[in-house]
Amino acid sequence: MARNELRPVIKLRSTAGTGHTYVTRKNRRNDPDRLVLRKYDPLVRRHVDFREER
């Protein structure tokens, strides 16, 4: 099965400096810029911004 480059796999890294990451997919047509999501960081035990890493 070929990889779909319209929906690439991306890593989301915590902005709290803990190094915690989530892995997800995004639609490049809808979100051409870097993605920022607010998710739970278990190391600081609260929700923080997670930014897309390249």
PDB file of N, CA and C in Angstrom:
ATOM      1  N   MET A   1       0.835  -1.176   0.000  1.00  0.00           N
ATOM      2  CA  MET A   1       0.000   0.000   0.000  1.00  0.00           C
ATOM      3  C   MET A   1       0.887   1.249   0.000  1.00  0.00           C
ATOM      4  N   ALA A   2       0.595   2.183  -0.864  1.00  0.00           N
ATOM      5  CA  ALA A   2       1.405   3.394  -0.981  1.00  0.00           C
ATOM      6  C   ALA A   2       1.096   4.360   0.157  1.00  0.00           C
ATOM      7  N   ARG A   3       2.097   5.131   0.545  1.00  0.00           N
ATOM      8  CA  ARG A   3       1.879   6.153   1.570  1.00  0.00           C
ATOM      9  C   ARG A   3       1.115   7.309   0.973  1.00  0.00           C
ATOM     10  N   ASN A   4       0.188   7.819   1.739  1.00  0.00           N
ATOM     11  CA  ASN A   4      -0.617   8.939   1.277  1.00  0.00           C
ATOM     12  C   ASN A   4       0.023  10.234   1.778  1.00  0.00           C
ATOM     13  N   GLU A   5       0.579  11.001   0.880  1.00  0.00           N
ATOM     14  CA  GLU A   5       1.271  12.236   1.272  1.00  0.00           C
ATOM     15  C   GLU A   5       0.312  13.379   1.580  1.00  0.00           C
ATOM     16  N   LEU A   6      -0.978  13.204   1.288  1.00  0.00           N
ATOM     17  CA  LEU A   6      -1.955  14.221   1.668  1.00  0.00           C
ATOM     18  C   LEU A   6      -2.206  14.188   3.174  1.00  0.00           C
ATOM     19  N   ARG A   7      -2.061  13.011   3.776  1.00  0.00           N
ATOM     20  CA  ARG A   7      -2.250  12.839   5.218  1.00  0.00           C
ATOM     21  C   ARG A   7      -0.985  12.247   5.835  1.00  0.00           C
ATOM     22  N   PRO A   8       0.051  13.053   6.030  1.00  0.00           N
ATOM     23  CA  PRO A   8       1.300  12.515   6.589  1.00  0.00           C
ATOM     24  C   PRO A   8       1.205  12.284   8.103  1.00  0.00           C
ATOM     25  N   VAL A   9       2.052  11.402   8.599  1.00  0.00           N
ATOM     26  CA  VAL A   9       2.172  11.160  10.037  1.00  0.00           C
ATOM     27  C   VAL A   9       3.056  12.260  10.601  1.00  0.00           C
ATOM     28  N   ILE A  10       2.601  12.900  11.687  1.00  0.00           N
ATOM     29  CA  ILE A  10       3.370  13.984  12.308  1.00  0.00           C
ATOM     30  C   ILE A  10       3.548  13.690  13.796  1.00  0.00           C
ATOM     31  N   LYS A  11       4.581  14.290  14.386  1.00  0.00           N
ATOM     32  CA  LYS A  11       4.812  14.210  15.823  1.00  0.00           C
ATOM     33  C   LYS A  11       4.412  15.539  16.445  1.00  0.00           C
ATOM     34  N   LEU A  12       3.742  15.465  17.581  1.00  0.00           N
ATOM     35  CA  LEU A  12       3.392  16.654  18.350  1.00  0.00           C
ATOM     36  C   LEU A  12       4.221  16.630  19.627  1.00  0.00           C
ATOM     37  N   ARG A  13       5.060  17.648  19.843  1.00  0.00           N
ATOM     38  CA  ARG A  13       5.926  17.699  21.018  1.00  0.00           C
ATOM     39  C   ARG A  13       5.411  18.752  21.999  1.00  0.00           C
ATOM     40  N   SER A  14       5.497  18.438  23.266  1.00  0.00           N
ATOM     41  CA  SER A  14       5.006  19.308  24.334  1.00  0.00           C
ATOM     42  C   SER A  14       5.819  20.601  24.407  1.00  0.00           C
ATOM     43  N   THR A  15       5.128  21.715  24.666  1.00  0.00           N
ATOM     44  CA  THR A  15       5.815  22.997  24.839  1.00  0.00           C
ATOM     45  C   THR A  15       6.245  23.203  26.294  1.00  0.00           C
ATOM     46  N   ALA A  16       5.893  22.261  27.171  1.00  0.00           N
ATOM     47  CA  ALA A  16       6.270  22.375  28.581  1.00  0.00           C
ATOM     48  C   ALA A  16       7.718  21.957  28.821  1.00  0.00           C
ATOM     49  N   GLY A  17       8.392  21.457  27.784  1.00  0.00           N
ATOM     50  CA  GLY A  17       9.794  21.092  27.927  1.00  0.00           C
ATOM     51  C   GLY A  17      10.020  19.709  28.495  1.00  0.00           C
ATOM     52  N   THR A  18       8.993  18.879  28.542  1.00  0.00           N
ATOM     53  CA  THR A  18       9.141  17.541  29.114  1.00  0.00           C
ATOM     54  C   THR A  18       9.604  16.527  28.081  1.00  0.00           C
ATOM     55  N   GLY A  19       9.441  16.827  26.811  1.00  0.00           N
ATOM     56  CA  GLY A  19       9.833  15.902  25.762  1.00  0.00           C
ATOM     57  C   GLY A  19       8.760  14.888  25.419  1.00  0.00           C
ATOM     58  N   HIS A  20       7.586  14.997  26.013  1.00  0.00           N
ATOM     59  CA  HIS A  20       6.490  14.072  25.729  1.00  0.00           C
ATOM     60  C   HIS A  20       5.945  14.338  24.325  1.00  0.00           C
ATOM     61  N   THR A  21       5.653  13.275  23.574  1.00  0.00           N
ATOM     62  CA  THR A  21       5.155  13.432  22.210  1.00  0.00           C
ATOM     63  C   THR A  21       3.899  12.600  21.985  1.00  0.00           C
ATOM     64  N   TYR A  22       3.076  13.067  21.063  1.00  0.00           N
ATOM     65  CA  TYR A  22       1.949  12.320  20.530  1.00  0.00           C
ATOM     66  C   TYR A  22       2.211  12.151  19.039  1.00  0.00           C
ATOM     67  N   VAL A  23       1.680  11.088  18.443  1.00  0.00           N
ATOM     68  CA  VAL A  23       1.809  10.854  17.015  1.00  0.00           C
ATOM     69  C   VAL A  23       0.404  10.842  16.425  1.00  0.00           C
ATOM     70  N   THR A  24       0.206  11.597  15.329  1.00  0.00           N
ATOM     71  CA  THR A  24      -1.102  11.681  14.696  1.00  0.00           C
ATOM     72  C   THR A  24      -0.938  11.931  13.207  1.00  0.00           C
ATOM     73  N   ARG A  25      -2.024  12.053  12.505  1.00  0.00           N
ATOM     74  CA  ARG A  25      -2.019  12.391  11.085  1.00  0.00           C
ATOM     75  C   ARG A  25      -2.719  13.716  10.894  1.00  0.00           C
ATOM     76  N   LYS A  26      -2.366  14.426   9.822  1.00  0.00           N
ATOM     77  CA  LYS A  26      -3.066  15.671   9.528  1.00  0.00           C
ATOM     78  C   LYS A  26      -3.330  15.765   8.038  1.00  0.00           C
ATOM     79  N   ASN A  27      -4.325  16.531   7.689  1.00  0.00           N
ATOM     80  CA  ASN A  27      -4.665  16.765   6.293  1.00  0.00           C
ATOM     81  C   ASN A  27      -3.935  18.026   5.844  1.00  0.00           C
ATOM     82  N   ARG A  28      -2.989  17.876   4.922  1.00  0.00           N
ATOM     83  CA  ARG A  28      -2.194  19.034   4.481  1.00  0.00           C
ATOM     84  C   ARG A  28      -3.016  20.051   3.716  1.00  0.00           C
ATOM     85  N   ARG A  29      -4.069  19.616   3.074  1.00  0.00           N
ATOM     86  CA  ARG A  29      -4.894  20.553   2.309  1.00  0.00           C
ATOM     87  C   ARG A  29      -5.657  21.497   3.242  1.00  0.00           C
ATOM     88  N   ASN A  30      -6.124  20.985   4.380  1.00  0.00           N
ATOM     89  CA  ASN A  30      -6.875  21.811   5.337  1.00  0.00           C
ATOM     90  C   ASN A  30      -5.966  22.561   6.304  1.00  0.00           C
ATOM     91  N   ASP A  31      -4.815  21.982   6.648  1.00  0.00           N
ATOM     92  CA  ASP A  31      -3.885  22.578   7.617  1.00  0.00           C
ATOM     93  C   ASP A  31      -2.480  22.635   7.030  1.00  0.00           C
ATOM     94  N   PRO A  32      -2.203  23.586   6.147  1.00  0.00           N
ATOM     95  CA  PRO A  32      -0.864  23.634   5.548  1.00  0.00           C
ATOM     96  C   PRO A  32       0.227  24.108   6.521  1.00  0.00           C
ATOM     97  N   ASP A  33      -0.153  24.874   7.550  1.00  0.00           N
ATOM     98  CA  ASP A  33       0.821  25.366   8.516  1.00  0.00           C
ATOM     99  C   ASP A  33       1.059  24.315   9.599  1.00  0.00           C
ATOM    100  N   ARG A  34       1.992  24.618  10.485  1.00  0.00           N
ATOM    101  CA  ARG A  34       2.259  23.691  11.580  1.00  0.00           C
ATOM    102  C   ARG A  34       1.078  23.655  12.532  1.00  0.00           C
ATOM    103  N   LEU A  35       0.747  22.458  12.981  1.00  0.00           N
ATOM    104  CA  LEU A  35      -0.409  22.229  13.820  1.00  0.00           C
ATOM    105  C   LEU A  35      -0.066  22.487  15.283  1.00  0.00           C
ATOM    106  N   VAL A  36      -0.991  23.120  16.024  1.00  0.00           N
ATOM    107  CA  VAL A  36      -0.846  23.320  17.472  1.00  0.00           C
ATOM    108  C   VAL A  36      -2.133  22.830  18.113  1.00  0.00           C
ATOM    109  N   LEU A  37      -2.016  21.827  18.985  1.00  0.00           N
ATOM    110  CA  LEU A  37      -3.174  21.273  19.681  1.00  0.00           C
ATOM    111  C   LEU A  37      -2.928  21.330  21.183  1.00  0.00           C
ATOM    112  N   ARG A  38      -3.996  21.515  21.940  1.00  0.00           N
ATOM    113  CA  ARG A  38      -3.904  21.525  23.399  1.00  0.00           C
ATOM    114  C   ARG A  38      -4.257  20.125  23.886  1.00  0.00           C
ATOM    115  N   LYS A  39      -3.251  19.425  24.428  1.00  0.00           N
ATOM    116  CA  LYS A  39      -3.434  18.049  24.870  1.00  0.00           C
ATOM    117  C   LYS A  39      -2.838  17.864  26.264  1.00  0.00           C
ATOM    118  N   TYR A  40      -3.113  16.701  26.849  1.00  0.00           N
ATOM    119  CA  TYR A  40      -2.665  16.407  28.210  1.00  0.00           C
ATOM    120  C   TYR A  40      -1.214  15.933  28.217  1.00  0.00           C
ATOM    121  N   ASP A  41      -0.418  16.526  29.088  1.00  0.00           N
ATOM    122  CA  ASP A  41       0.965  16.093  29.290  1.00  0.00           C
ATOM    123  C   ASP A  41       1.041  15.393  30.644  1.00  0.00           C
ATOM    124  N   PRO A  42       1.221  14.078  30.667  1.00  0.00           N
ATOM    125  CA  PRO A  42       1.197  13.351  31.944  1.00  0.00           C
ATOM    126  C   PRO A  42       2.383  13.662  32.857  1.00  0.00           C
ATOM    127  N   LEU A  43       3.459  14.204  32.334  1.00  0.00           N
ATOM    128  CA  LEU A  43       4.622  14.493  33.171  1.00  0.00           C
ATOM    129  C   LEU A  43       4.417  15.743  34.020  1.00  0.00           C
ATOM    130  N   VAL A  44       3.675  16.730  33.510  1.00  0.00           N
ATOM    131  CA  VAL A  44       3.362  17.919  34.313  1.00  0.00           C
ATOM    132  C   VAL A  44       1.936  17.863  34.843  1.00  0.00           C
ATOM    133  N   ARG A  45       1.185  16.834  34.442  1.00  0.00           N
ATOM    134  CA  ARG A  45      -0.179  16.560  34.884  1.00  0.00           C
ATOM    135  C   ARG A  45      -1.144  17.706  34.618  1.00  0.00           C
ATOM    136  N   ARG A  46      -1.067  18.272  33.418  1.00  0.00           N
ATOM    137  CA  ARG A  46      -2.041  19.285  32.994  1.00  0.00           C
ATOM    138  C   ARG A  46      -2.031  19.396  31.482  1.00  0.00           C
ATOM    139  N   HIS A  47      -2.979  20.134  30.955  1.00  0.00           N
ATOM    140  CA  HIS A  47      -3.069  20.333  29.513  1.00  0.00           C
ATOM    141  C   HIS A  47      -2.129  21.470  29.087  1.00  0.00           C
ATOM    142  N   VAL A  48      -1.365  21.232  28.047  1.00  0.00           N
ATOM    143  CA  VAL A  48      -0.452  22.234  27.495  1.00  0.00           C
ATOM    144  C   VAL A  48      -0.541  22.189  25.986  1.00  0.00           C
ATOM    145  N   ASP A  49       0.042  23.182  25.315  1.00  0.00           N
ATOM    146  CA  ASP A  49       0.074  23.191  23.846  1.00  0.00           C
ATOM    147  C   ASP A  49       1.106  22.202  23.351  1.00  0.00           C
ATOM    148  N   PHE A  50       0.746  21.474  22.308  1.00  0.00           N
ATOM    149  CA  PHE A  50       1.658  20.560  21.626  1.00  0.00           C
ATOM    150  C   PHE A  50       1.800  21.083  20.210  1.00  0.00           C
ATOM    151  N   ARG A  51       3.058  21.308  19.773  1.00  0.00           N
ATOM    152  CA  ARG A  51       3.327  21.848  18.448  1.00  0.00           C
ATOM    153  C   ARG A  51       3.862  20.768  17.519  1.00  0.00           C
ATOM    154  N   GLU A  52       3.518  20.902  16.257  1.00  0.00           N
ATOM    155  CA  GLU A  52       4.010  19.959  15.247  1.00  0.00           C
ATOM    156  C   GLU A  52       5.506  20.113  15.098  1.00  0.00           C
ATOM    157  N   GLU A  53       6.175  18.972  15.010  1.00  0.00           N
ATOM    158  CA  GLU A  53       7.619  18.942  14.857  1.00  0.00           C
ATOM    159  C   GLU A  53       7.945  18.365  13.484  1.00  0.00           C
ATOM    160  N   ARG A  54       8.966  18.891  12.827  1.00  0.00           N
ATOM    161  CA  ARG A  54       9.317  18.389  11.491  1.00  0.00           C
ATOM    162  C   ARG A  54      10.597  17.599  11.543  1.00  0.00           C
TER     163      ARG A  54
END
